Amino acid sequence: MSQLIQVTAVVVNYTPNAMHDNFDEGHFEYYDATDIQIVAPKAFSGLELSIYHTDKVHQDSLWRTIGQWINFNIDKDDLVSSMTLFDGAVSNLCAHVRTKFAEQLVEES
């Protein structure tokens, strides 16, 4: 049974055209990727993941901002090292507000 959890992470890299698919009909598709490092929950702290984007990512998107702290929800079973994840696995993406209180909550999770 799946369990949705909230994750806090830091964007460490953004790579345009990081992966591509070739289709039998002769066309192809490119996917940009965002590399993140998970900060919380503690059970996944330090885990690095690449998240591939099915649509073009806006220049000012949180996904493209290196060093940006983000929060999002994801199925706990999707948090496996070196797994290929697409942005459809992520919901409720928002900026993580770094205050003393927020950092304490991250440390406790």
PDB file of N, CA and C in Angstrom:
ATOM      1  N   MET A   1       0.843  -1.184   0.000  1.00  0.00           N
ATOM      2  CA  MET A   1       0.000   0.000   0.000  1.00  0.00           C
ATOM      3  C   MET A   1       0.886   1.244   0.000  1.00  0.00           C
ATOM      4  N   SER A   2       0.559   2.199  -0.833  1.00  0.00           N
ATOM      5  CA  SER A   2       1.376   3.408  -0.934  1.00  0.00           C
ATOM      6  C   SER A   2       1.106   4.357   0.231  1.00  0.00           C
ATOM      7  N   GLN A   3       2.131   5.135   0.535  1.00  0.00           N
ATOM      8  CA  GLN A   3       2.035   6.115   1.612  1.00  0.00           C
ATOM      9  C   GLN A   3       2.639   7.426   1.106  1.00  0.00           C
ATOM     10  N   LEU A   4       1.821   8.470   1.029  1.00  0.00           N
ATOM     11  CA  LEU A   4       2.276   9.774   0.587  1.00  0.00           C
ATOM     12  C   LEU A   4       2.992  10.462   1.734  1.00  0.00           C
ATOM     13  N   ILE A   5       4.218  10.955   1.481  1.00  0.00           N
ATOM     14  CA  ILE A   5       4.972  11.662   2.516  1.00  0.00           C
ATOM     15  C   ILE A   5       5.432  13.009   1.973  1.00  0.00           C
ATOM     16  N   GLN A   6       5.711  13.942   2.903  1.00  0.00           N
ATOM     17  CA  GLN A   6       6.265  15.232   2.504  1.00  0.00           C
ATOM     18  C   GLN A   6       7.784  15.163   2.588  1.00  0.00           C
ATOM     19  N   VAL A   7       8.433  15.671   1.561  1.00  0.00           N
ATOM     20  CA  VAL A   7       9.884  15.658   1.466  1.00  0.00           C
ATOM     21  C   VAL A   7      10.384  17.096   1.408  1.00  0.00           C
ATOM     22  N   THR A   8      11.492  17.342   2.091  1.00  0.00           N
ATOM     23  CA  THR A   8      12.236  18.591   1.952  1.00  0.00           C
ATOM     24  C   THR A   8      13.551  18.229   1.281  1.00  0.00           C
ATOM     25  N   ALA A   9      13.905  18.985   0.242  1.00  0.00           N
ATOM     26  CA  ALA A   9      15.114  18.676  -0.521  1.00  0.00           C
ATOM     27  C   ALA A   9      15.761  19.965  -1.012  1.00  0.00           C
ATOM     28  N   VAL A  10      16.987  19.821  -1.500  1.00  0.00           N
ATOM     29  CA  VAL A  10      17.725  20.931  -2.087  1.00  0.00           C
ATOM     30  C   VAL A  10      18.012  20.594  -3.548  1.00  0.00           C
ATOM     31  N   VAL A  11      17.758  21.553  -4.430  1.00  0.00           N
ATOM     32  CA  VAL A  11      18.071  21.379  -5.850  1.00  0.00           C
ATOM     33  C   VAL A  11      19.585  21.522  -6.014  1.00  0.00           C
ATOM     34  N   VAL A  12      20.237  20.472  -6.553  1.00  0.00           N
ATOM     35  CA  VAL A  12      21.689  20.513  -6.702  1.00  0.00           C
ATOM     36  C   VAL A  12      22.146  20.660  -8.156  1.00  0.00           C
ATOM     37  N   ASN A  13      21.256  20.343  -9.113  1.00  0.00           N
ATOM     38  CA  ASN A  13      21.646  20.480 -10.512  1.00  0.00           C
ATOM     39  C   ASN A  13      20.399  20.465 -11.399  1.00  0.00           C
ATOM     40  N   TYR A  14      20.509  21.133 -12.529  1.00  0.00           N
ATOM     41  CA  TYR A  14      19.460  21.089 -13.547  1.00  0.00           C
ATOM     42  C   TYR A  14      20.147  20.852 -14.890  1.00  0.00           C
ATOM     43  N   THR A  15      19.698  19.835 -15.620  1.00  0.00           N
ATOM     44  CA  THR A  15      20.323  19.483 -16.887  1.00  0.00           C
ATOM     45  C   THR A  15      19.277  19.451 -17.999  1.00  0.00           C
ATOM     46  N   PRO A  16      19.360  20.380 -18.959  1.00  0.00           N
ATOM     47  CA  PRO A  16      18.460  20.325 -20.116  1.00  0.00           C
ATOM     48  C   PRO A  16      18.790  19.103 -20.972  1.00  0.00           C
ATOM     49  N   ASN A  17      17.766  18.500 -21.565  1.00  0.00           N
ATOM     50  CA  ASN A  17      17.948  17.369 -22.486  1.00  0.00           C
ATOM     51  C   ASN A  17      18.796  16.241 -21.876  1.00  0.00           C
ATOM     52  N   ALA A  18      18.527  15.921 -20.631  1.00  0.00           N
ATOM     53  CA  ALA A  18      19.316  14.926 -19.909  1.00  0.00           C
ATOM     54  C   ALA A  18      19.058  13.497 -20.382  1.00  0.00           C
ATOM     55  N   MET A  19      17.891  13.243 -20.946  1.00  0.00           N
ATOM     56  CA  MET A  19      17.534  11.909 -21.391  1.00  0.00           C
ATOM     57  C   MET A  19      16.633  12.030 -22.613  1.00  0.00           C
ATOM     58  N   HIS A  20      16.660  11.009 -23.446  1.00  0.00           N
ATOM     59  CA  HIS A  20      15.753  11.027 -24.596  1.00  0.00           C
ATOM     60  C   HIS A  20      15.202   9.637 -24.871  1.00  0.00           C
ATOM     61  N   ASP A  21      14.051   9.612 -25.501  1.00  0.00           N
ATOM     62  CA  ASP A  21      13.394   8.386 -25.952  1.00  0.00           C
ATOM     63  C   ASP A  21      13.319   8.415 -27.468  1.00  0.00           C
ATOM     64  N   ASN A  22      13.583   7.281 -28.092  1.00  0.00           N
ATOM     65  CA  ASN A  22      13.369   7.104 -29.525  1.00  0.00           C
ATOM     66  C   ASN A  22      12.138   6.229 -29.694  1.00  0.00           C
ATOM     67  N   PHE A  23      11.209   6.689 -30.475  1.00  0.00           N
ATOM     68  CA  PHE A  23       9.970   5.948 -30.688  1.00  0.00           C
ATOM     69  C   PHE A  23       9.994   5.224 -32.027  1.00  0.00           C
ATOM     70  N   ASP A  24       9.275   4.123 -32.105  1.00  0.00           N
ATOM     71  CA  ASP A  24       9.237   3.297 -33.315  1.00  0.00           C
ATOM     72  C   ASP A  24       8.787   4.078 -34.547  1.00  0.00           C
ATOM     73  N   GLU A  25       7.937   5.086 -34.333  1.00  0.00           N
ATOM     74  CA  GLU A  25       7.424   5.867 -35.455  1.00  0.00           C
ATOM     75  C   GLU A  25       8.470   6.818 -36.030  1.00  0.00           C
ATOM     76  N   GLY A  26       9.658   6.868 -35.420  1.00  0.00           N
ATOM     77  CA  GLY A  26      10.725   7.711 -35.947  1.00  0.00           C
ATOM     78  C   GLY A  26      10.905   9.039 -35.243  1.00  0.00           C
ATOM     79  N   HIS A  27      10.041   9.375 -34.302  1.00  0.00           N
ATOM     80  CA  HIS A  27      10.242  10.639 -33.582  1.00  0.00           C
ATOM     81  C   HIS A  27      10.893  10.360 -32.223  1.00  0.00           C
ATOM     82  N   PHE A  28      11.328  11.415 -31.586  1.00  0.00           N
ATOM     83  CA  PHE A  28      11.997  11.272 -30.305  1.00  0.00           C
ATOM     84  C   PHE A  28      11.567  12.385 -29.369  1.00  0.00           C
ATOM     85  N   GLU A  29      11.838  12.193 -28.099  1.00  0.00           N
ATOM     86  CA  GLU A  29      11.449  13.147 -27.055  1.00  0.00           C
ATOM     87  C   GLU A  29      12.633  13.342 -26.114  1.00  0.00           C
ATOM     88  N   TYR A  30      12.907  14.593 -25.760  1.00  0.00           N
ATOM     89  CA  TYR A  30      13.958  14.906 -24.789  1.00  0.00           C
ATOM     90  C   TYR A  30      13.334  15.306 -23.460  1.00  0.00           C
ATOM     91  N   TYR A  31      14.005  14.960 -22.371  1.00  0.00           N
ATOM     92  CA  TYR A  31      13.538  15.282 -21.022  1.00  0.00           C
ATOM     93  C   TYR A  31      14.643  16.001 -20.249  1.00  0.00           C
ATOM     94  N   ASP A  32      14.297  17.146 -19.660  1.00  0.00           N
ATOM     95  CA  ASP A  32      15.215  17.828 -18.751  1.00  0.00           C
ATOM     96  C   ASP A  32      15.182  17.105 -17.414  1.00  0.00           C
ATOM     97  N   ALA A  33      16.233  17.287 -16.602  1.00  0.00           N
ATOM     98  CA  ALA A  33      16.287  16.613 -15.304  1.00  0.00           C
ATOM     99  C   ALA A  33      16.729  17.574 -14.217  1.00  0.00           C
ATOM    100  N   THR A  34      16.158  17.392 -13.037  1.00  0.00           N
ATOM    101  CA  THR A  34      16.578  18.111 -11.834  1.00  0.00           C
ATOM    102  C   THR A  34      17.122  17.090 -10.857  1.00  0.00           C
ATOM    103  N   ASP A  35      18.345  17.330 -10.390  1.00  0.00           N
ATOM    104  CA  ASP A  35      18.940  16.485  -9.357  1.00  0.00           C
ATOM    105  C   ASP A  35      18.699  17.152  -8.014  1.00  0.00           C
ATOM    106  N   ILE A  36      18.216  16.352  -7.063  1.00  0.00           N
ATOM    107  CA  ILE A  36      17.936  16.882  -5.725  1.00  0.00           C
ATOM    108  C   ILE A  36      18.628  16.014  -4.676  1.00  0.00           C
ATOM    109  N   GLN A  37      18.862  16.620  -3.528  1.00  0.00           N
ATOM    110  CA  GLN A  37      19.340  15.871  -2.363  1.00  0.00           C
ATOM    111  C   GLN A  37      18.314  16.054  -1.256  1.00  0.00           C
ATOM    112  N   ILE A  38      17.835  14.934  -0.734  1.00  0.00           N
ATOM    113  CA  ILE A  38      16.794  14.972   0.289  1.00  0.00           C
ATOM    114  C   ILE A  38      17.395  15.362   1.632  1.00  0.00           C
ATOM    115  N   VAL A  39      16.691  16.250   2.323  1.00  0.00           N
ATOM    116  CA  VAL A  39      17.080  16.716   3.657  1.00  0.00           C
ATOM    117  C   VAL A  39      16.195  16.048   4.712  1.00  0.00           C
ATOM    118  N   ALA A  40      14.910  15.912   4.422  1.00  0.00           N
ATOM    119  CA  ALA A  40      13.964  15.304   5.367  1.00  0.00           C
ATOM    120  C   ALA A  40      12.880  14.603   4.569  1.00  0.00           C
ATOM    121  N   PRO A  41      12.319  13.550   5.121  1.00  0.00           N
ATOM    122  CA  PRO A  41      12.480  13.007   6.468  1.00  0.00           C
ATOM    123  C   PRO A  41      13.853  12.334   6.659  1.00  0.00           C
ATOM    124  N   LYS A  42      14.231  12.212   7.926  1.00  0.00           N
ATOM    125  CA  LYS A  42      15.559  11.707   8.276  1.00  0.00           C
ATOM    126  C   LYS A  42      15.870  10.358   7.651  1.00  0.00           C
ATOM    127  N   ALA A  43      14.865   9.507   7.528  1.00  0.00           N
ATOM    128  CA  ALA A  43      15.087   8.170   6.968  1.00  0.00           C
ATOM    129  C   ALA A  43      15.647   8.225   5.549  1.00  0.00           C
ATOM    130  N   PHE A  44      15.434   9.332   4.841  1.00  0.00           N
ATOM    131  CA  PHE A  44      15.897   9.472   3.459  1.00  0.00           C
ATOM    132  C   PHE A  44      16.931  10.579   3.298  1.00  0.00           C
ATOM    133  N   SER A  45      17.357  11.184   4.389  1.00  0.00           N
ATOM    134  CA  SER A  45      18.309  12.292   4.349  1.00  0.00           C
ATOM    135  C   SER A  45      19.597  11.868   3.637  1.00  0.00           C
ATOM    136  N   GLY A  46      20.029  12.690   2.699  1.00  0.00           N
ATOM    137  CA  GLY A  46      21.240  12.418   1.940  1.00  0.00           C
ATOM    138  C   GLY A  46      20.998  11.690   0.631  1.00  0.00           C
ATOM    139  N   LEU A  47      19.819  11.103   0.456  1.00  0.00           N
ATOM    140  CA  LEU A  47      19.487  10.397  -0.784  1.00  0.00           C
ATOM    141  C   LEU A  47      19.442  11.394  -1.932  1.00  0.00           C
ATOM    142  N   GLU A  48      20.089  11.056  -3.027  1.00  0.00           N
ATOM    143  CA  GLU A  48      20.070  11.907  -4.214  1.00  0.00           C
ATOM    144  C   GLU A  48      19.221  11.252  -5.289  1.00  0.00           C
ATOM    145  N   LEU A  49      18.366  12.046  -5.902  1.00  0.00           N
ATOM    146  CA  LEU A  49      17.468  11.562  -6.943  1.00  0.00           C
ATOM    147  C   LEU A  49      17.508  12.493  -8.146  1.00  0.00           C
ATOM    148  N   SER A  50      17.253  11.925  -9.311  1.00  0.00           N
ATOM    149  CA  SER A  50      17.041  12.723 -10.517  1.00  0.00           C
ATOM    150  C   SER A  50      15.570  12.635 -10.868  1.00  0.00           C
ATOM    151  N   ILE A  51      14.982  13.795 -11.105  1.00  0.00           N
ATOM    152  CA  ILE A  51      13.575  13.854 -11.490  1.00  0.00           C
ATOM    153  C   ILE A  51      13.513  14.423 -12.908  1.00  0.00           C
ATOM    154  N   TYR A  52      12.936  13.642 -13.818  1.00  0.00           N
ATOM    155  CA  TYR A  52      12.842  14.025 -15.225  1.00  0.00           C
ATOM    156  C   TYR A  52      11.506  14.708 -15.480  1.00  0.00           C
ATOM    157  N   HIS A  53      11.546  15.713 -16.342  1.00  0.00           N
ATOM    158  CA  HIS A  53      10.374  16.555 -16.598  1.00  0.00           C
ATOM    159  C   HIS A  53       9.763  16.228 -17.963  1.00  0.00           C
ATOM    160  N   THR A  54       8.460  15.973 -17.965  1.00  0.00           N
ATOM    161  CA  THR A  54       7.767  15.620 -19.199  1.00  0.00           C
ATOM    162  C   THR A  54       7.411  16.844 -20.040  1.00  0.00           C
ATOM    163  N   ASP A  55       7.415  18.024 -19.444  1.00  0.00           N
ATOM    164  CA  ASP A  55       7.181  19.282 -20.156  1.00  0.00           C
ATOM    165  C   ASP A  55       8.384  20.192 -19.960  1.00  0.00           C
ATOM    166  N   LYS A  56       8.512  21.179 -20.824  1.00  0.00           N
ATOM    167  CA  LYS A  56       9.589  22.153 -20.657  1.00  0.00           C
ATOM    168  C   LYS A  56       9.420  22.875 -19.326  1.00  0.00           C
ATOM    169  N   VAL A  57      10.532  23.125 -18.655  1.00  0.00           N
ATOM    170  CA  VAL A  57      10.519  23.751 -17.335  1.00  0.00           C
ATOM    171  C   VAL A  57      10.816  25.240 -17.492  1.00  0.00           C
ATOM    172  N   HIS A  58       9.919  26.067 -16.948  1.00  0.00           N
ATOM    173  CA  HIS A  58      10.082  27.524 -17.009  1.00  0.00           C
ATOM    174  C   HIS A  58      11.436  27.948 -16.451  1.00  0.00           C
ATOM    175  N   GLN A  59      12.008  28.993 -17.042  1.00  0.00           N
ATOM    176  CA  GLN A  59      13.313  29.512 -16.624  1.00  0.00           C
ATOM    177  C   GLN A  59      13.346  29.858 -15.131  1.00  0.00           C
ATOM    178  N   ASP A  60      12.232  30.362 -14.586  1.00  0.00           N
ATOM    179  CA  ASP A  60      12.197  30.781 -13.181  1.00  0.00           C
ATOM    180  C   ASP A  60      11.587  29.725 -12.262  1.00  0.00           C
ATOM    181  N   SER A  61      11.503  28.484 -12.719  1.00  0.00           N
ATOM    182  CA  SER A  61      10.923  27.400 -11.926  1.00  0.00           C
ATOM    183  C   SER A  61      11.817  27.027 -10.738  1.00  0.00           C
ATOM    184  N   LEU A  62      11.191  26.586  -9.674  1.00  0.00           N
ATOM    185  CA  LEU A  62      11.946  26.073  -8.524  1.00  0.00           C
ATOM    186  C   LEU A  62      12.849  24.919  -8.939  1.00  0.00           C
ATOM    187  N   TRP A  63      12.404  24.127  -9.907  1.00  0.00           N
ATOM    188  CA  TRP A  63      13.187  22.981 -10.367  1.00  0.00           C
ATOM    189  C   TRP A  63      14.528  23.395 -10.959  1.00  0.00           C
ATOM    190  N   ARG A  64      14.652  24.620 -11.450  1.00  0.00           N
ATOM    191  CA  ARG A  64      15.885  25.067 -12.129  1.00  0.00           C
ATOM    192  C   ARG A  64      16.799  25.885 -11.231  1.00  0.00           C
ATOM    193  N   THR A  65      16.376  26.163 -10.011  1.00  0.00           N
ATOM    194  CA  THR A  65      17.114  27.079  -9.147  1.00  0.00           C
ATOM    195  C   THR A  65      18.070  26.306  -8.243  1.00  0.00           C
ATOM    196  N   ILE A  66      19.357  26.289  -8.615  1.00  0.00           N
ATOM    197  CA  ILE A  66      20.366  25.567  -7.847  1.00  0.00           C
ATOM    198  C   ILE A  66      20.454  26.162  -6.442  1.00  0.00           C
ATOM    199  N   GLY A  67      20.445  25.278  -5.440  1.00  0.00           N
ATOM    200  CA  GLY A  67      20.499  25.713  -4.046  1.00  0.00           C
ATOM    201  C   GLY A  67      19.124  25.959  -3.432  1.00  0.00           C
ATOM    202  N   GLN A  68      18.070  25.910  -4.250  1.00  0.00           N
ATOM    203  CA  GLN A  68      16.710  26.148  -3.760  1.00  0.00           C
ATOM    204  C   GLN A  68      16.248  24.993  -2.884  1.00  0.00           C
ATOM    205  N   TRP A  69      15.730  25.316  -1.713  1.00  0.00           N
ATOM    206  CA  TRP A  69      15.100  24.322  -0.855  1.00  0.00           C
ATOM    207  C   TRP A  69      13.652  24.204  -1.290  1.00  0.00           C
ATOM    208  N   ILE A  70      13.185  22.957  -1.431  1.00  0.00           N
ATOM    209  CA  ILE A  70      11.817  22.716  -1.893  1.00  0.00           C
ATOM    210  C   ILE A  70      11.123  21.699  -0.988  1.00  0.00           C
ATOM    211  N   ASN A  71       9.806  21.761  -0.997  1.00  0.00           N
ATOM    212  CA  ASN A  71       8.956  20.755  -0.349  1.00  0.00           C
ATOM    213  C   ASN A  71       8.069  20.163  -1.423  1.00  0.00           C
ATOM    214  N   PHE A  72       7.773  18.882  -1.305  1.00  0.00           N
ATOM    215  CA  PHE A  72       6.813  18.244  -2.195  1.00  0.00           C
ATOM    216  C   PHE A  72       6.325  16.952  -1.557  1.00  0.00           C
ATOM    217  N   ASN A  73       5.256  16.411  -2.104  1.00  0.00           N
ATOM    218  CA  ASN A  73       4.729  15.122  -1.658  1.00  0.00           C
ATOM    219  C   ASN A  73       5.085  14.062  -2.697  1.00  0.00           C
ATOM    220  N   ILE A  74       5.354  12.859  -2.204  1.00  0.00           N
ATOM    221  CA  ILE A  74       5.702  11.748  -3.077  1.00  0.00           C
ATOM    222  C   ILE A  74       5.355  10.444  -2.373  1.00  0.00           C
ATOM    223  N   ASP A  75       5.104   9.419  -3.147  1.00  0.00           N
ATOM    224  CA  ASP A  75       4.859   8.096  -2.578  1.00  0.00           C
ATOM    225  C   ASP A  75       6.170   7.595  -1.968  1.00  0.00           C
ATOM    226  N   LYS A  76       6.113   7.164  -0.737  1.00  0.00           N
ATOM    227  CA  LYS A  76       7.304   6.696  -0.017  1.00  0.00           C
ATOM    228  C   LYS A  76       8.044   5.607  -0.799  1.00  0.00           C
ATOM    229  N   ASP A  77       7.316   4.750  -1.488  1.00  0.00           N
ATOM    230  CA  ASP A  77       7.933   3.660  -2.245  1.00  0.00           C
ATOM    231  C   ASP A  77       8.731   4.143  -3.456  1.00  0.00           C
ATOM    232  N   ASP A  78       8.539   5.399  -3.871  1.00  0.00           N
ATOM    233  CA  ASP A  78       9.279   5.951  -4.998  1.00  0.00           C
ATOM    234  C   ASP A  78      10.661   6.466  -4.607  1.00  0.00           C
ATOM    235  N   LEU A  79      10.954   6.537  -3.328  1.00  0.00           N
ATOM    236  CA  LEU A  79      12.231   7.073  -2.871  1.00  0.00           C
ATOM    237  C   LEU A  79      13.282   5.968  -2.788  1.00  0.00           C
ATOM    238  N   VAL A  80      13.758   5.583  -3.966  1.00  0.00           N
ATOM    239  CA  VAL A  80      14.767   4.546  -4.082  1.00  0.00           C
ATOM    240  C   VAL A  80      15.939   5.150  -4.839  1.00  0.00           C
ATOM    241  N   SER A  81      17.137   4.996  -4.308  1.00  0.00           N
ATOM    242  CA  SER A  81      18.321   5.566  -4.944  1.00  0.00           C
ATOM    243  C   SER A  81      18.462   5.077  -6.380  1.00  0.00           C
ATOM    244  N   SER A  82      18.879   5.944  -7.243  1.00  0.00           N
ATOM    245  CA  SER A  82      19.137   5.704  -8.661  1.00  0.00           C
ATOM    246  C   SER A  82      17.899   5.263  -9.446  1.00  0.00           C
ATOM    247  N   MET A  83      16.730   5.513  -8.920  1.00  0.00           N
ATOM    248  CA  MET A  83      15.500   5.209  -9.643  1.00  0.00           C
ATOM    249  C   MET A  83      15.167   6.376 -10.573  1.00  0.00           C
ATOM    250  N   THR A  84      14.687   6.075 -11.772  1.00  0.00           N
ATOM    251  CA  THR A  84      14.266   7.113 -12.696  1.00  0.00           C
ATOM    252  C   THR A  84      12.867   7.556 -12.325  1.00  0.00           C
ATOM    253  N   LEU A  85      12.761   8.798 -11.908  1.00  0.00           N
ATOM    254  CA  LEU A  85      11.466   9.359 -11.533  1.00  0.00           C
ATOM    255  C   LEU A  85      11.088  10.458 -12.516  1.00  0.00           C
ATOM    256  N   PHE A  86       9.808  10.517 -12.835  1.00  0.00           N
ATOM    257  CA  PHE A  86       9.307  11.615 -13.638  1.00  0.00           C
ATOM    258  C   PHE A  86       8.501  12.544 -12.741  1.00  0.00           C
ATOM    259  N   ASP A  87       8.357  13.794 -13.168  1.00  0.00           N
ATOM    260  CA  ASP A  87       7.722  14.809 -12.337  1.00  0.00           C
ATOM    261  C   ASP A  87       6.275  14.483 -11.978  1.00  0.00           C
ATOM    262  N   GLY A  88       5.658  13.563 -12.685  1.00  0.00           N
ATOM    263  CA  GLY A  88       4.304  13.144 -12.332  1.00  0.00           C
ATOM    264  C   GLY A  88       4.233  12.438 -10.984  1.00  0.00           C
ATOM    265  N   ALA A  89       5.373  11.949 -10.481  1.00  0.00           N
ATOM    266  CA  ALA A  89       5.411  11.281  -9.179  1.00  0.00           C
ATOM    267  C   ALA A  89       5.386  12.284  -8.027  1.00  0.00           C
ATOM    268  N   VAL A  90       5.612  13.565  -8.355  1.00  0.00           N
ATOM    269  CA  VAL A  90       5.724  14.621  -7.349  1.00  0.00           C
ATOM    270  C   VAL A  90       4.466  15.483  -7.370  1.00  0.00           C
ATOM    271  N   SER A  91       3.953  15.825  -6.181  1.00  0.00           N
ATOM    272  CA  SER A  91       2.812  16.738  -6.114  1.00  0.00           C
ATOM    273  C   SER A  91       3.074  17.826  -5.080  1.00  0.00           C
ATOM    274  N   ASN A  92       2.349  18.907  -5.217  1.00  0.00           N
ATOM    275  CA  ASN A  92       2.400  20.031  -4.259  1.00  0.00           C
ATOM    276  C   ASN A  92       3.797  20.618  -4.085  1.00  0.00           C
ATOM    277  N   LEU A  93       4.504  20.820  -5.190  1.00  0.00           N
ATOM    278  CA  LEU A  93       5.828  21.440  -5.129  1.00  0.00           C
ATOM    279  C   LEU A  93       5.708  22.876  -4.646  1.00  0.00           C
ATOM    280  N   CYS A  94       6.529  23.247  -3.671  1.00  0.00           N
ATOM    281  CA  CYS A  94       6.582  24.636  -3.205  1.00  0.00           C
ATOM    282  C   CYS A  94       7.963  24.922  -2.626  1.00  0.00           C
ATOM    283  N   ALA A  95       8.277  26.199  -2.510  1.00  0.00           N
ATOM    284  CA  ALA A  95       9.544  26.604  -1.902  1.00  0.00           C
ATOM    285  C   ALA A  95       9.498  26.314  -0.412  1.00  0.00           C
ATOM    286  N   HIS A  96      10.610  25.851   0.117  1.00  0.00           N
ATOM    287  CA  HIS A  96      10.727  25.608   1.551  1.00  0.00           C
ATOM    288  C   HIS A  96      11.182  26.912   2.195  1.00  0.00           C
ATOM    289  N   VAL A  97      10.406  27.394   3.145  1.00  0.00           N
ATOM    290  CA  VAL A  97      10.741  28.636   3.844  1.00  0.00           C
ATOM    291  C   VAL A  97      11.727  28.292   4.958  1.00  0.00           C
ATOM    292  N   ARG A  98      12.926  28.831   4.840  1.00  0.00           N
ATOM    293  CA  ARG A  98      13.981  28.502   5.803  1.00  0.00           C
ATOM    294  C   ARG A  98      13.983  29.510   6.950  1.00  0.00           C
ATOM    295  N   THR A  99      13.261  29.159   7.996  1.00  0.00           N
ATOM    296  CA  THR A  99      13.277  29.931   9.234  1.00  0.00           C
ATOM    297  C   THR A  99      13.821  29.025  10.326  1.00  0.00           C
ATOM    298  N   LYS A 100      14.147  29.592  11.450  1.00  0.00           N
ATOM    299  CA  LYS A 100      14.670  28.788  12.550  1.00  0.00           C
ATOM    300  C   LYS A 100      13.657  27.705  12.946  1.00  0.00           C
ATOM    301  N   PHE A 101      12.384  28.067  12.991  1.00  0.00           N
ATOM    302  CA  PHE A 101      11.342  27.108  13.352  1.00  0.00           C
ATOM    303  C   PHE A 101      11.232  26.010  12.293  1.00  0.00           C
ATOM    304  N   ALA A 102      11.257  26.402  11.020  1.00  0.00           N
ATOM    305  CA  ALA A 102      11.151  25.420   9.937  1.00  0.00           C
ATOM    306  C   ALA A 102      12.332  24.463   9.950  1.00  0.00           C
ATOM    307  N   GLU A 103      13.533  24.978  10.206  1.00  0.00           N
ATOM    308  CA  GLU A 103      14.716  24.118  10.253  1.00  0.00           C
ATOM    309  C   GLU A 103      14.622  23.128  11.417  1.00  0.00           C
ATOM    310  N   GLN A 104      14.051  23.559  12.521  1.00  0.00           N
ATOM    311  CA  GLN A 104      13.878  22.661  13.660  1.00  0.00           C
ATOM    312  C   GLN A 104      12.904  21.538  13.307  1.00  0.00           C
ATOM    313  N   LEU A 105      11.839  21.856  12.577  1.00  0.00           N
ATOM    314  CA  LEU A 105      10.890  20.835  12.153  1.00  0.00           C
ATOM    315  C   LEU A 105      11.564  19.834  11.205  1.00  0.00           C
ATOM    316  N   VAL A 106      12.418  20.322  10.304  1.00  0.00           N
ATOM    317  CA  VAL A 106      13.140  19.441   9.375  1.00  0.00           C
ATOM    318  C   VAL A 106      14.037  18.494  10.171  1.00  0.00           C
ATOM    319  N   GLU A 107      14.738  19.010  11.154  1.00  0.00           N
ATOM    320  CA  GLU A 107      15.632  18.190  11.968  1.00  0.00           C
ATOM    321  C   GLU A 107      14.872  17.119  12.740  1.00  0.00           C
ATOM    322  N   GLU A 108      13.659  17.423  13.157  1.00  0.00           N
ATOM    323  CA  GLU A 108      12.864  16.481  13.950  1.00  0.00           C
ATOM    324  C   GLU A 108      12.168  15.433  13.094  1.00  0.00           C
ATOM    325  N   SER A 109      12.005  15.692  11.798  1.00  0.00           N
ATOM    326  CA  SER A 109      11.247  14.744  10.960  1.00  0.00           C
ATOM    327  C   SER A 109      12.061  13.540  10.586  1.00  0.00           C
TER     328      SER A 109
END
